[in-house]
Amino acid sequence: MSAQQPPGAATQEAVAMLLHLAFMEIRLQTSPVTDDQSPEALARRRVRINELADLCHNLPGYLAPERRHRAAEGLRYVWRVSAGRRREWLRSRLDHLGYDYSWLDAPDVMEPATGHDGPSVGQ
């Protein structure tokens, strides 16, 4: 995989499909409970629903016509703040979609300034 960002249309489509897949999984997790499900299993379903909702809650805004040009920025943000199961979910879904996400780990020279000119005290 290359570290070059895919075209904007491909990223917009990937964001839309991530949302679609998250909604489908949330729908599955909220399906009717069976009598043989333990309270622990129900708690895990709830945790999973919250993880998916937290992961994707900002992405729909990047599909608005006036913000589509920022879809890559939104996807990069979600990638950077995700770890563990959330990052694995993103990887597996982007792999499923055939989307080259290698650019998400590449350094971004256009990142916003941190608000100070040097390391903070104690570093």
PDB file of N, CA and C in Angstrom:
ATOM      1  N   MET A   1       0.839  -1.186   0.000  1.00  0.00           N
ATOM      2  CA  MET A   1       0.000   0.000   0.000  1.00  0.00           C
ATOM      3  C   MET A   1       0.881   1.245   0.000  1.00  0.00           C
ATOM      4  N   SER A   2       0.422   2.275  -0.638  1.00  0.00           N
ATOM      5  CA  SER A   2       1.167   3.529  -0.656  1.00  0.00           C
ATOM      6  C   SER A   2       0.661   4.437   0.456  1.00  0.00           C
ATOM      7  N   ALA A   3       1.473   5.437   0.779  1.00  0.00           N
ATOM      8  CA  ALA A   3       1.073   6.385   1.817  1.00  0.00           C
ATOM      9  C   ALA A   3       0.389   7.600   1.218  1.00  0.00           C
ATOM     10  N   GLN A   4       0.083   7.558  -0.068  1.00  0.00           N
ATOM     11  CA  GLN A   4      -0.581   8.677  -0.720  1.00  0.00           C
ATOM     12  C   GLN A   4      -2.084   8.594  -0.483  1.00  0.00           C
ATOM     13  N   GLN A   5      -2.670   9.722  -0.134  1.00  0.00           N
ATOM     14  CA  GLN A   5      -4.106   9.787   0.139  1.00  0.00           C
ATOM     15  C   GLN A   5      -4.898   9.494  -1.133  1.00  0.00           C
ATOM     16  N   PRO A   6      -5.904   8.614  -1.057  1.00  0.00           N
ATOM     17  CA  PRO A   6      -6.744   8.339  -2.229  1.00  0.00           C
ATOM     18  C   PRO A   6      -7.532   9.576  -2.652  1.00  0.00           C
ATOM     19  N   PRO A   7      -8.086   9.567  -3.856  1.00  0.00           N
ATOM     20  CA  PRO A   7      -8.895  10.706  -4.309  1.00  0.00           C
ATOM     21  C   PRO A   7     -10.050  10.991  -3.344  1.00  0.00           C
ATOM     22  N   GLY A   8     -10.462  12.249  -3.321  1.00  0.00           N
ATOM     23  CA  GLY A   8     -11.535  12.666  -2.418  1.00  0.00           C
ATOM     24  C   GLY A   8     -12.804  11.858  -2.548  1.00  0.00           C
ATOM     25  N   ALA A   9     -13.185  11.520  -3.772  1.00  0.00           N
ATOM     26  CA  ALA A   9     -14.413  10.750  -3.972  1.00  0.00           C
ATOM     27  C   ALA A   9     -14.311   9.369  -3.329  1.00  0.00           C
ATOM     28  N   ALA A  10     -13.139   8.747  -3.387  1.00  0.00           N
ATOM     29  CA  ALA A  10     -12.955   7.435  -2.772  1.00  0.00           C
ATOM     30  C   ALA A  10     -13.055   7.532  -1.250  1.00  0.00           C
ATOM     31  N   THR A  11     -12.511   8.598  -0.694  1.00  0.00           N
ATOM     32  CA  THR A  11     -12.576   8.794   0.751  1.00  0.00           C
ATOM     33  C   THR A  11     -14.007   9.077   1.190  1.00  0.00           C
ATOM     34  N   GLN A  12     -14.716   9.902   0.426  1.00  0.00           N
ATOM     35  CA  GLN A  12     -16.117  10.172   0.753  1.00  0.00           C
ATOM     36  C   GLN A  12     -16.935   8.886   0.716  1.00  0.00           C
ATOM     37  N   GLU A  13     -16.694   8.064  -0.289  1.00  0.00           N
ATOM     38  CA  GLU A  13     -17.412   6.789  -0.381  1.00  0.00           C
ATOM     39  C   GLU A  13     -17.050   5.877   0.790  1.00  0.00           C
ATOM     40  N   ALA A  14     -15.774   5.851   1.175  1.00  0.00           N
ATOM     41  CA  ALA A  14     -15.352   5.026   2.305  1.00  0.00           C
ATOM     42  C   ALA A  14     -16.030   5.491   3.593  1.00  0.00           C
ATOM     43  N   VAL A  15     -16.113   6.800   3.809  1.00  0.00           N
ATOM     44  CA  VAL A  15     -16.781   7.334   4.996  1.00  0.00           C
ATOM     45  C   VAL A  15     -18.253   6.926   4.989  1.00  0.00           C
ATOM     46  N   ALA A  16     -18.918   7.075   3.854  1.00  0.00           N
ATOM     47  CA  ALA A  16     -20.333   6.691   3.757  1.00  0.00           C
ATOM     48  C   ALA A  16     -20.510   5.201   4.037  1.00  0.00           C
ATOM     49  N   MET A  17     -19.617   4.382   3.512  1.00  0.00           N
ATOM     50  CA  MET A  17     -19.736   2.942   3.722  1.00  0.00           C
ATOM     51  C   MET A  17     -19.408   2.552   5.165  1.00  0.00           C
ATOM     52  N   LEU A  18     -18.464   3.253   5.801  1.00  0.00           N
ATOM     53  CA  LEU A  18     -18.197   2.994   7.223  1.00  0.00           C
ATOM     54  C   LEU A  18     -19.456   3.261   8.048  1.00  0.00           C
ATOM     55  N   LEU A  19     -20.125   4.350   7.735  1.00  0.00           N
ATOM     56  CA  LEU A  19     -21.368   4.666   8.443  1.00  0.00           C
ATOM     57  C   LEU A  19     -22.425   3.588   8.197  1.00  0.00           C
ATOM     58  N   HIS A  20     -22.554   3.171   6.964  1.00  0.00           N
ATOM     59  CA  HIS A  20     -23.502   2.112   6.622  1.00  0.00           C
ATOM     60  C   HIS A  20     -23.206   0.837   7.420  1.00  0.00           C
ATOM     61  N   LEU A  21     -21.936   0.438   7.437  1.00  0.00           N
ATOM     62  CA  LEU A  21     -21.565  -0.787   8.150  1.00  0.00           C
ATOM     63  C   LEU A  21     -21.772  -0.635   9.657  1.00  0.00           C
ATOM     64  N   ALA A  22     -21.478   0.540  10.202  1.00  0.00           N
ATOM     65  CA  ALA A  22     -21.704   0.770  11.631  1.00  0.00           C
ATOM     66  C   ALA A  22     -23.194   0.700  11.956  1.00  0.00           C
ATOM     67  N   PHE A  23     -24.026   1.315  11.127  1.00  0.00           N
ATOM     68  CA  PHE A  23     -25.473   1.266  11.363  1.00  0.00           C
ATOM     69  C   PHE A  23     -25.995  -0.168  11.302  1.00  0.00           C
ATOM     70  N   MET A  24     -25.473  -0.939  10.355  1.00  0.00           N
ATOM     71  CA  MET A  24     -25.910  -2.331  10.240  1.00  0.00           C
ATOM     72  C   MET A  24     -25.504  -3.134  11.478  1.00  0.00           C
ATOM     73  N   GLU A  25     -24.293  -2.893  11.956  1.00  0.00           N
ATOM     74  CA  GLU A  25     -23.853  -3.618  13.147  1.00  0.00           C
ATOM     75  C   GLU A  25     -24.632  -3.175  14.384  1.00  0.00           C
ATOM     76  N   ILE A  26     -24.913  -1.898  14.488  1.00  0.00           N
ATOM     77  CA  ILE A  26     -25.741  -1.425  15.605  1.00  0.00           C
ATOM     78  C   ILE A  26     -27.124  -2.055  15.534  1.00  0.00           C
ATOM     79  N   ARG A  27     -27.678  -2.125  14.341  1.00  0.00           N
ATOM     80  CA  ARG A  27     -28.988  -2.771  14.177  1.00  0.00           C
ATOM     81  C   ARG A  27     -28.925  -4.223  14.645  1.00  0.00           C
ATOM     82  N   LEU A  28     -27.863  -4.925  14.278  1.00  0.00           N
ATOM     83  CA  LEU A  28     -27.694  -6.306  14.702  1.00  0.00           C
ATOM     84  C   LEU A  28     -27.599  -6.398  16.226  1.00  0.00           C
ATOM     85  N   GLN A  29     -26.824  -5.502  16.824  1.00  0.00           N
ATOM     86  CA  GLN A  29     -26.649  -5.527  18.275  1.00  0.00           C
ATOM     87  C   GLN A  29     -27.935  -5.187  19.036  1.00  0.00           C
ATOM     88  N   THR A  30     -28.832  -4.475  18.387  1.00  0.00           N
ATOM     89  CA  THR A  30     -30.091  -4.101  19.047  1.00  0.00           C
ATOM     90  C   THR A  30     -31.236  -5.042  18.691  1.00  0.00           C
ATOM     91  N   SER A  31     -30.915  -6.122  17.994  1.00  0.00           N
ATOM     92  CA  SER A  31     -31.963  -7.085  17.640  1.00  0.00           C
ATOM     93  C   SER A  31     -32.565  -7.668  18.909  1.00  0.00           C
ATOM     94  N   PRO A  32     -33.761  -8.221  18.800  1.00  0.00           N
ATOM     95  CA  PRO A  32     -34.416  -8.749  20.007  1.00  0.00           C
ATOM     96  C   PRO A  32     -33.532  -9.734  20.773  1.00  0.00           C
ATOM     97  N   VAL A  33     -33.624  -9.630  22.064  1.00  0.00           N
ATOM     98  CA  VAL A  33     -32.860 -10.473  22.970  1.00  0.00           C
ATOM     99  C   VAL A  33     -33.505 -11.856  23.032  1.00  0.00           C
ATOM    100  N   THR A  34     -32.668 -12.880  23.089  1.00  0.00           N
ATOM    101  CA  THR A  34     -33.182 -14.240  23.264  1.00  0.00           C
ATOM    102  C   THR A  34     -33.146 -14.595  24.744  1.00  0.00           C
ATOM    103  N   ASP A  35     -33.957 -15.548  25.120  1.00  0.00           N
ATOM    104  CA  ASP A  35     -34.059 -15.940  26.530  1.00  0.00           C
ATOM    105  C   ASP A  35     -32.755 -16.491  27.108  1.00  0.00           C
ATOM    106  N   ASP A  36     -31.900 -17.023  26.248  1.00  0.00           N
ATOM    107  CA  ASP A  36     -30.678 -17.648  26.753  1.00  0.00           C
ATOM    108  C   ASP A  36     -29.494 -16.686  26.848  1.00  0.00           C
ATOM    109  N   GLN A  37     -29.705 -15.398  26.651  1.00  0.00           N
ATOM    110  CA  GLN A  37     -28.601 -14.450  26.750  1.00  0.00           C
ATOM    111  C   GLN A  37     -28.391 -14.008  28.192  1.00  0.00           C
ATOM    112  N   SER A  38     -27.150 -14.053  28.606  1.00  0.00           N
ATOM    113  CA  SER A  38     -26.803 -13.678  29.973  1.00  0.00           C
ATOM    114  C   SER A  38     -26.782 -12.157  30.106  1.00  0.00           C
ATOM    115  N   PRO A  39     -26.866 -11.671  31.325  1.00  0.00           N
ATOM    116  CA  PRO A  39     -26.730 -10.231  31.548  1.00  0.00           C
ATOM    117  C   PRO A  39     -25.379  -9.708  31.041  1.00  0.00           C
ATOM    118  N   GLU A  40     -24.333 -10.529  31.139  1.00  0.00           N
ATOM    119  CA  GLU A  40     -23.014 -10.133  30.651  1.00  0.00           C
ATOM    120  C   GLU A  40     -23.025  -9.955  29.134  1.00  0.00           C
ATOM    121  N   ALA A  41     -23.715 -10.854  28.445  1.00  0.00           N
ATOM    122  CA  ALA A  41     -23.806 -10.753  26.982  1.00  0.00           C
ATOM    123  C   ALA A  41     -24.557  -9.483  26.590  1.00  0.00           C
ATOM    124  N   LEU A  42     -25.598  -9.171  27.308  1.00  0.00           N
ATOM    125  CA  LEU A  42     -26.354  -7.950  27.029  1.00  0.00           C
ATOM    126  C   LEU A  42     -25.496  -6.705  27.297  1.00  0.00           C
ATOM    127  N   ALA A  43     -24.713  -6.759  28.360  1.00  0.00           N
ATOM    128  CA  ALA A  43     -23.823  -5.627  28.669  1.00  0.00           C
ATOM    129  C   ALA A  43     -22.784  -5.456  27.568  1.00  0.00           C
ATOM    130  N   ARG A  44     -22.246  -6.564  27.038  1.00  0.00           N
ATOM    131  CA  ARG A  44     -21.272  -6.478  25.941  1.00  0.00           C
ATOM    132  C   ARG A  44     -21.911  -5.890  24.695  1.00  0.00           C
ATOM    133  N   ARG A  45     -23.171  -6.224  24.415  1.00  0.00           N
ATOM    134  CA  ARG A  45     -23.873  -5.651  23.266  1.00  0.00           C
ATOM    135  C   ARG A  45     -23.977  -4.142  23.418  1.00  0.00           C
ATOM    136  N   ARG A  46     -24.321  -3.716  24.609  1.00  0.00           N
ATOM    137  CA  ARG A  46     -24.464  -2.278  24.864  1.00  0.00           C
ATOM    138  C   ARG A  46     -23.133  -1.545  24.708  1.00  0.00           C
ATOM    139  N   VAL A  47     -22.073  -2.133  25.220  1.00  0.00           N
ATOM    140  CA  VAL A  47     -20.741  -1.544  25.084  1.00  0.00           C
ATOM    141  C   VAL A  47     -20.385  -1.424  23.607  1.00  0.00           C
ATOM    142  N   ARG A  48     -20.648  -2.470  22.830  1.00  0.00           N
ATOM    143  CA  ARG A  48     -20.322  -2.460  21.403  1.00  0.00           C
ATOM    144  C   ARG A  48     -21.103  -1.367  20.666  1.00  0.00           C
ATOM    145  N   ILE A  49     -22.373  -1.232  20.978  1.00  0.00           N
ATOM    146  CA  ILE A  49     -23.197  -0.182  20.365  1.00  0.00           C
ATOM    147  C   ILE A  49     -22.592   1.184  20.665  1.00  0.00           C
ATOM    148  N   ASN A  50     -22.214   1.414  21.916  1.00  0.00           N
ATOM    149  CA  ASN A  50     -21.631   2.701  22.293  1.00  0.00           C
ATOM    150  C   ASN A  50     -20.291   2.927  21.604  1.00  0.00           C
ATOM    151  N   GLU A  51     -19.481   1.882  21.468  1.00  0.00           N
ATOM    152  CA  GLU A  51     -18.205   2.024  20.765  1.00  0.00           C
ATOM    153  C   GLU A  51     -18.414   2.458  19.321  1.00  0.00           C
ATOM    154  N   LEU A  52     -19.338   1.800  18.641  1.00  0.00           N
ATOM    155  CA  LEU A  52     -19.595   2.136  17.241  1.00  0.00           C
ATOM    156  C   LEU A  52     -20.167   3.544  17.096  1.00  0.00           C
ATOM    157  N   ALA A  53     -21.070   3.894  17.978  1.00  0.00           N
ATOM    158  CA  ALA A  53     -21.656   5.240  17.924  1.00  0.00           C
ATOM    159  C   ALA A  53     -20.590   6.301  18.190  1.00  0.00           C
ATOM    160  N   ASP A  54     -19.746   6.070  19.191  1.00  0.00           N
ATOM    161  CA  ASP A  54     -18.665   7.021  19.482  1.00  0.00           C
ATOM    162  C   ASP A  54     -17.694   7.135  18.320  1.00  0.00           C
ATOM    163  N   LEU A  55     -17.377   6.010  17.722  1.00  0.00           N
ATOM    164  CA  LEU A  55     -16.428   5.978  16.623  1.00  0.00           C
ATOM    165  C   LEU A  55     -16.903   6.798  15.431  1.00  0.00           C
ATOM    166  N   CYS A  56     -18.180   6.721  15.123  1.00  0.00           N
ATOM    167  CA  CYS A  56     -18.696   7.301  13.876  1.00  0.00           C
ATOM    168  C   CYS A  56     -19.519   8.572  14.039  1.00  0.00           C
ATOM    169  N   HIS A  57     -19.708   9.055  15.243  1.00  0.00           N
ATOM    170  CA  HIS A  57     -20.685  10.128  15.428  1.00  0.00           C
ATOM    171  C   HIS A  57     -20.359  11.424  14.688  1.00  0.00           C
ATOM    172  N   ASN A  58     -19.113  11.721  14.405  1.00  0.00           N
ATOM    173  CA  ASN A  58     -18.781  12.950  13.682  1.00  0.00           C
ATOM    174  C   ASN A  58     -18.747  12.778  12.166  1.00  0.00           C
ATOM    175  N   LEU A  59     -18.670  11.549  11.699  1.00  0.00           N
ATOM    176  CA  LEU A  59     -18.491  11.319  10.264  1.00  0.00           C
ATOM    177  C   LEU A  59     -19.640  11.807   9.379  1.00  0.00           C
ATOM    178  N   PRO A  60     -20.904  11.713   9.788  1.00  0.00           N
ATOM    179  CA  PRO A  60     -21.964  12.188   8.874  1.00  0.00           C
ATOM    180  C   PRO A  60     -21.803  13.645   8.458  1.00  0.00           C
ATOM    181  N   GLY A  61     -21.309  14.473   9.341  1.00  0.00           N
ATOM    182  CA  GLY A  61     -21.114  15.889   9.011  1.00  0.00           C
ATOM    183  C   GLY A  61     -20.144  16.105   7.866  1.00  0.00           C
ATOM    184  N   TYR A  62     -19.207  15.192   7.698  1.00  0.00           N
ATOM    185  CA  TYR A  62     -18.231  15.327   6.614  1.00  0.00           C
ATOM    186  C   TYR A  62     -18.797  14.924   5.258  1.00  0.00           C
ATOM    187  N   LEU A  63     -20.026  14.454   5.236  1.00  0.00           N
ATOM    188  CA  LEU A  63     -20.653  14.117   3.961  1.00  0.00           C
ATOM    189  C   LEU A  63     -21.617  15.199   3.492  1.00  0.00           C
ATOM    190  N   ALA A  64     -21.779  16.245   4.293  1.00  0.00           N
ATOM    191  CA  ALA A  64     -22.599  17.378   3.869  1.00  0.00           C
ATOM    192  C   ALA A  64     -21.917  18.031   2.663  1.00  0.00           C
ATOM    193  N   PRO A  65     -22.699  18.485   1.692  1.00  0.00           N
ATOM    194  CA  PRO A  65     -22.094  19.046   0.476  1.00  0.00           C
ATOM    195  C   PRO A  65     -21.022  20.099   0.728  1.00  0.00           C
ATOM    196  N   GLU A  66     -21.226  20.952   1.705  1.00  0.00           N
ATOM    197  CA  GLU A  66     -20.251  22.017   1.952  1.00  0.00           C
ATOM    198  C   GLU A  66     -19.017  21.542   2.726  1.00  0.00           C
ATOM    199  N   ARG A  67     -19.018  20.294   3.196  1.00  0.00           N
ATOM    200  CA  ARG A  67     -17.877  19.787   3.974  1.00  0.00           C
ATOM    201  C   ARG A  67     -17.236  18.548   3.359  1.00  0.00           C
ATOM    202  N   ARG A  68     -17.746  18.082   2.243  1.00  0.00           N
ATOM    203  CA  ARG A  68     -17.201  16.851   1.650  1.00  0.00           C
ATOM    204  C   ARG A  68     -15.712  16.942   1.370  1.00  0.00           C
ATOM    205  N   HIS A  69     -15.241  18.120   1.039  1.00  0.00           N
ATOM    206  CA  HIS A  69     -13.818  18.283   0.766  1.00  0.00           C
ATOM    207  C   HIS A  69     -12.959  18.025   2.005  1.00  0.00           C
ATOM    208  N   ARG A  70     -13.583  17.911   3.171  1.00  0.00           N
ATOM    209  CA  ARG A  70     -12.873  17.659   4.425  1.00  0.00           C
ATOM    210  C   ARG A  70     -13.069  16.225   4.931  1.00  0.00           C
ATOM    211  N   ALA A  71     -13.604  15.342   4.099  1.00  0.00           N
ATOM    212  CA  ALA A  71     -13.850  13.957   4.526  1.00  0.00           C
ATOM    213  C   ALA A  71     -12.561  13.269   4.973  1.00  0.00           C
ATOM    214  N   ALA A  72     -11.473  13.507   4.268  1.00  0.00           N
ATOM    215  CA  ALA A  72     -10.197  12.895   4.648  1.00  0.00           C
ATOM    216  C   ALA A  72      -9.763  13.378   6.033  1.00  0.00           C
ATOM    217  N   GLU A  73      -9.973  14.637   6.310  1.00  0.00           N
ATOM    218  CA  GLU A  73      -9.638  15.195   7.622  1.00  0.00           C
ATOM    219  C   GLU A  73     -10.435  14.483   8.713  1.00  0.00           C
ATOM    220  N   GLY A  74     -11.713  14.278   8.463  1.00  0.00           N
ATOM    221  CA  GLY A  74     -12.563  13.592   9.436  1.00  0.00           C
ATOM    222  C   GLY A  74     -12.143  12.146   9.648  1.00  0.00           C
ATOM    223  N   LEU A  75     -11.840  11.455   8.553  1.00  0.00           N
ATOM    224  CA  LEU A  75     -11.415  10.063   8.660  1.00  0.00           C
ATOM    225  C   LEU A  75     -10.079   9.970   9.384  1.00  0.00           C
ATOM    226  N   ARG A  76      -9.172  10.875   9.089  1.00  0.00           N
ATOM    227  CA  ARG A  76      -7.865  10.875   9.776  1.00  0.00           C
ATOM    228  C   ARG A  76      -8.043  11.126  11.269  1.00  0.00           C
ATOM    229  N   TYR A  77      -8.921  12.027  11.626  1.00  0.00           N
ATOM    230  CA  TYR A  77      -9.159  12.301  13.050  1.00  0.00           C
ATOM    231  C   TYR A  77      -9.682  11.045  13.748  1.00  0.00           C
ATOM    232  N   VAL A  78     -10.673  10.405  13.156  1.00  0.00           N
ATOM    233  CA  VAL A  78     -11.233   9.191  13.754  1.00  0.00           C
ATOM    234  C   VAL A  78     -10.144   8.132  13.905  1.00  0.00           C
ATOM    235  N   TRP A  79      -9.306   7.991  12.899  1.00  0.00           N
ATOM    236  CA  TRP A  79      -8.214   7.017  12.937  1.00  0.00           C
ATOM    237  C   TRP A  79      -7.260   7.318  14.094  1.00  0.00           C
ATOM    238  N   ARG A  80      -6.893   8.567  14.229  1.00  0.00           N
ATOM    239  CA  ARG A  80      -5.898   8.942  15.233  1.00  0.00           C
ATOM    240  C   ARG A  80      -6.400   8.832  16.658  1.00  0.00           C
ATOM    241  N   VAL A  81      -7.674   9.031  16.877  1.00  0.00           N
ATOM    242  CA  VAL A  81      -8.189   8.941  18.252  1.00  0.00           C
ATOM    243  C   VAL A  81      -8.675   7.536  18.587  1.00  0.00           C
ATOM    244  N   SER A  82      -8.568   6.623  17.640  1.00  0.00           N
ATOM    245  CA  SER A  82      -9.019   5.248  17.861  1.00  0.00           C
ATOM    246  C   SER A  82      -7.845   4.341  18.186  1.00  0.00           C
ATOM    247  N   ALA A  83      -8.117   3.394  19.051  1.00  0.00           N
ATOM    248  CA  ALA A  83      -7.114   2.385  19.407  1.00  0.00           C
ATOM    249  C   ALA A  83      -7.851   1.091  19.725  1.00  0.00           C
ATOM    250  N   GLY A  84      -7.098   0.041  19.865  1.00  0.00           N
ATOM    251  CA  GLY A  84      -7.680  -1.235  20.281  1.00  0.00           C
ATOM    252  C   GLY A  84      -8.769  -1.728  19.346  1.00  0.00           C
ATOM    253  N   ARG A  85      -9.905  -2.089  19.943  1.00  0.00           N
ATOM    254  CA  ARG A  85     -11.030  -2.644  19.167  1.00  0.00           C
ATOM    255  C   ARG A  85     -11.560  -1.661  18.134  1.00  0.00           C
ATOM    256  N   ARG A  86     -11.550  -0.397  18.462  1.00  0.00           N
ATOM    257  CA  ARG A  86     -12.054   0.605  17.513  1.00  0.00           C
ATOM    258  C   ARG A  86     -11.159   0.676  16.287  1.00  0.00           C
ATOM    259  N   ARG A  87      -9.845   0.703  16.488  1.00  0.00           N
ATOM    260  CA  ARG A  87      -8.918   0.744  15.361  1.00  0.00           C
ATOM    261  C   ARG A  87      -9.034  -0.549  14.550  1.00  0.00           C
ATOM    262  N   GLU A  88      -9.175  -1.667  15.239  1.00  0.00           N
ATOM    263  CA  GLU A  88      -9.318  -2.944  14.528  1.00  0.00           C
ATOM    264  C   GLU A  88     -10.605  -2.964  13.706  1.00  0.00           C
ATOM    265  N   TRP A  89     -11.682  -2.391  14.239  1.00  0.00           N
ATOM    266  CA  TRP A  89     -12.933  -2.322  13.496  1.00  0.00           C
ATOM    267  C   TRP A  89     -12.722  -1.491  12.232  1.00  0.00           C
ATOM    268  N   LEU A  90     -12.080  -0.348  12.362  1.00  0.00           N
ATOM    269  CA  LEU A  90     -11.804   0.498  11.194  1.00  0.00           C
ATOM    270  C   LEU A  90     -10.967  -0.253  10.163  1.00  0.00           C
ATOM    271  N   ARG A  91      -9.892  -0.886  10.610  1.00  0.00           N
ATOM    272  CA  ARG A  91      -9.032  -1.637   9.688  1.00  0.00           C
ATOM    273  C   ARG A  91      -9.823  -2.708   8.937  1.00  0.00           C
ATOM    274  N   SER A  92     -10.572  -3.495   9.682  1.00  0.00           N
ATOM    275  CA  SER A  92     -11.282  -4.609   9.037  1.00  0.00           C
ATOM    276  C   SER A  92     -12.334  -4.108   8.052  1.00  0.00           C
ATOM    277  N   ARG A  93     -13.016  -3.031   8.380  1.00  0.00           N
ATOM    278  CA  ARG A  93     -14.046  -2.523   7.469  1.00  0.00           C
ATOM    279  C   ARG A  93     -13.421  -1.856   6.250  1.00  0.00           C
ATOM    280  N   LEU A  94     -12.345  -1.105   6.439  1.00  0.00           N
ATOM    281  CA  LEU A  94     -11.680  -0.474   5.296  1.00  0.00           C
ATOM    282  C   LEU A  94     -11.038  -1.535   4.398  1.00  0.00           C
ATOM    283  N   ASP A  95     -10.492  -2.600   4.993  1.00  0.00           N
ATOM    284  CA  ASP A  95      -9.990  -3.725   4.194  1.00  0.00           C
ATOM    285  C   ASP A  95     -11.129  -4.340   3.378  1.00  0.00           C
ATOM    286  N   HIS A  96     -12.256  -4.559   4.034  1.00  0.00           N
ATOM    287  CA  HIS A  96     -13.430  -5.133   3.360  1.00  0.00           C
ATOM    288  C   HIS A  96     -13.850  -4.274   2.164  1.00  0.00           C
ATOM    289  N   LEU A  97     -13.742  -2.961   2.327  1.00  0.00           N
ATOM    290  CA  LEU A  97     -14.134  -2.034   1.265  1.00  0.00           C
ATOM    291  C   LEU A  97     -13.064  -1.895   0.186  1.00  0.00           C
ATOM    292  N   GLY A  98     -11.871  -2.423   0.449  1.00  0.00           N
ATOM    293  CA  GLY A  98     -10.779  -2.285  -0.512  1.00  0.00           C
ATOM    294  C   GLY A  98     -10.203  -0.877  -0.542  1.00  0.00           C
ATOM    295  N   TYR A  99     -10.349  -0.152   0.534  1.00  0.00           N
ATOM    296  CA  TYR A  99      -9.875   1.225   0.623  1.00  0.00           C
ATOM    297  C   TYR A  99      -8.456   1.240   1.170  1.00  0.00           C
ATOM    298  N   ASP A 100      -7.537   1.915   0.493  1.00  0.00           N
ATOM    299  CA  ASP A 100      -6.143   2.026   0.922  1.00  0.00           C
ATOM    300  C   ASP A 100      -6.041   3.091   2.003  1.00  0.00           C
ATOM    301  N   TYR A 101      -5.917   2.650   3.237  1.00  0.00           N
ATOM    302  CA  TYR A 101      -5.862   3.565   4.376  1.00  0.00           C
ATOM    303  C   TYR A 101      -4.448   3.755   4.912  1.00  0.00           C
ATOM    304  N   SER A 102      -3.440   3.321   4.169  1.00  0.00           N
ATOM    305  CA  SER A 102      -2.059   3.456   4.644  1.00  0.00           C
ATOM    306  C   SER A 102      -1.680   4.914   4.897  1.00  0.00           C
ATOM    307  N   TRP A 103      -2.288   5.831   4.180  1.00  0.00           N
ATOM    308  CA  TRP A 103      -1.996   7.254   4.354  1.00  0.00           C
ATOM    309  C   TRP A 103      -2.404   7.771   5.729  1.00  0.00           C
ATOM    310  N   LEU A 104      -3.290   7.052   6.418  1.00  0.00           N
ATOM    311  CA  LEU A 104      -3.754   7.522   7.720  1.00  0.00           C
ATOM    312  C   LEU A 104      -2.649   7.488   8.776  1.00  0.00           C
ATOM    313  N   ASP A 105      -1.653   6.633   8.587  1.00  0.00           N
ATOM    314  CA  ASP A 105      -0.538   6.562   9.527  1.00  0.00           C
ATOM    315  C   ASP A 105       0.636   7.446   9.115  1.00  0.00           C
ATOM    316  N   ALA A 106       0.568   8.009   7.920  1.00  0.00           N
ATOM    317  CA  ALA A 106       1.662   8.873   7.439  1.00  0.00           C
ATOM    318  C   ALA A 106       1.623  10.202   8.185  1.00  0.00           C
ATOM    319  N   PRO A 107       2.800  10.787   8.443  1.00  0.00           N
ATOM    320  CA  PRO A 107       2.819  12.097   9.101  1.00  0.00           C
ATOM    321  C   PRO A 107       2.100  13.133   8.240  1.00  0.00           C
ATOM    322  N   ASP A 108       1.396  13.999   8.883  1.00  0.00           N
ATOM    323  CA  ASP A 108       0.636  15.037   8.191  1.00  0.00           C
ATOM    324  C   ASP A 108       1.270  16.390   8.484  1.00  0.00           C
ATOM    325  N   VAL A 109       1.891  16.983   7.487  1.00  0.00           N
ATOM    326  CA  VAL A 109       2.549  18.274   7.686  1.00  0.00           C
ATOM    327  C   VAL A 109       1.551  19.408   7.848  1.00  0.00           C
ATOM    328  N   MET A 110       0.285  19.153   7.564  1.00  0.00           N
ATOM    329  CA  MET A 110      -0.726  20.209   7.655  1.00  0.00           C
ATOM    330  C   MET A 110      -1.531  20.133   8.955  1.00  0.00           C
ATOM    331  N   GLU A 111      -1.015  19.424   9.963  1.00  0.00           N
ATOM    332  CA  GLU A 111      -1.743  19.327  11.222  1.00  0.00           C
ATOM    333  C   GLU A 111      -1.811  20.682  11.897  1.00  0.00           C
ATOM    334  N   PRO A 112      -2.902  20.956  12.635  1.00  0.00           N
ATOM    335  CA  PRO A 112      -3.024  22.239  13.319  1.00  0.00           C
ATOM    336  C   PRO A 112      -1.936  22.402  14.377  1.00  0.00           C
ATOM    337  N   ALA A 113      -1.587  23.647  14.644  1.00  0.00           N
ATOM    338  CA  ALA A 113      -0.586  23.953  15.667  1.00  0.00           C
ATOM    339  C   ALA A 113      -1.116  23.547  17.031  1.00  0.00           C
ATOM    340  N   THR A 114      -0.214  23.215  17.931  1.00  0.00           N
ATOM    341  CA  THR A 114      -0.606  22.773  19.268  1.00  0.00           C
ATOM    342  C   THR A 114      -0.914  23.927  20.203  1.00  0.00           C
ATOM    343  N   GLY A 115      -0.618  25.141  19.794  1.00  0.00           N
ATOM    344  CA  GLY A 115      -0.918  26.287  20.642  1.00  0.00           C
ATOM    345  C   GLY A 115       0.289  26.804  21.401  1.00  0.00           C
ATOM    346  N   HIS A 116       1.446  26.146  21.252  1.00  0.00           N
ATOM    347  CA  HIS A 116       2.660  26.649  21.871  1.00  0.00           C
ATOM    348  C   HIS A 116       3.834  26.358  20.949  1.00  0.00           C
ATOM    349  N   ASP A 117       4.927  27.048  21.211  1.00  0.00           N
ATOM    350  CA  ASP A 117       6.075  26.974  20.304  1.00  0.00           C
ATOM    351  C   ASP A 117       7.083  25.886  20.654  1.00  0.00           C
ATOM    352  N   GLY A 118       6.972  25.292  21.787  1.00  0.00           N
ATOM    353  CA  GLY A 118       7.950  24.284  22.182  1.00  0.00           C
ATOM    354  C   GLY A 118       7.350  23.291  23.144  1.00  0.00           C
ATOM    355  N   PRO A 119       8.190  22.413  23.659  1.00  0.00           N
ATOM    356  CA  PRO A 119       7.685  21.429  24.609  1.00  0.00           C
ATOM    357  C   PRO A 119       7.199  22.105  25.879  1.00  0.00           C
ATOM    358  N   SER A 120       6.221  21.493  26.488  1.00  0.00           N
ATOM    359  CA  SER A 120       5.698  22.076  27.716  1.00  0.00           C
ATOM    360  C   SER A 120       6.637  21.765  28.861  1.00  0.00           C
ATOM    361  N   VAL A 121       6.458  22.472  29.953  1.00  0.00           N
ATOM    362  CA  VAL A 121       7.302  22.318  31.139  1.00  0.00           C
ATOM    363  C   VAL A 121       7.246  20.862  31.593  1.00  0.00           C
ATOM    364  N   GLY A 122       8.415  20.334  31.931  1.00  0.00           N
ATOM    365  CA  GLY A 122       8.463  18.967  32.407  1.00  0.00           C
ATOM    366  C   GLY A 122       8.762  17.952  31.313  1.00  0.00           C
ATOM    367  N   GLN A 123       8.909  18.393  30.082  1.00  0.00           N
ATOM    368  CA  GLN A 123       9.194  17.451  29.000  1.00  0.00           C
ATOM    369  C   GLN A 123      10.638  17.523  28.626  1.00  0.00           C
TER     370      GLN A 123
END
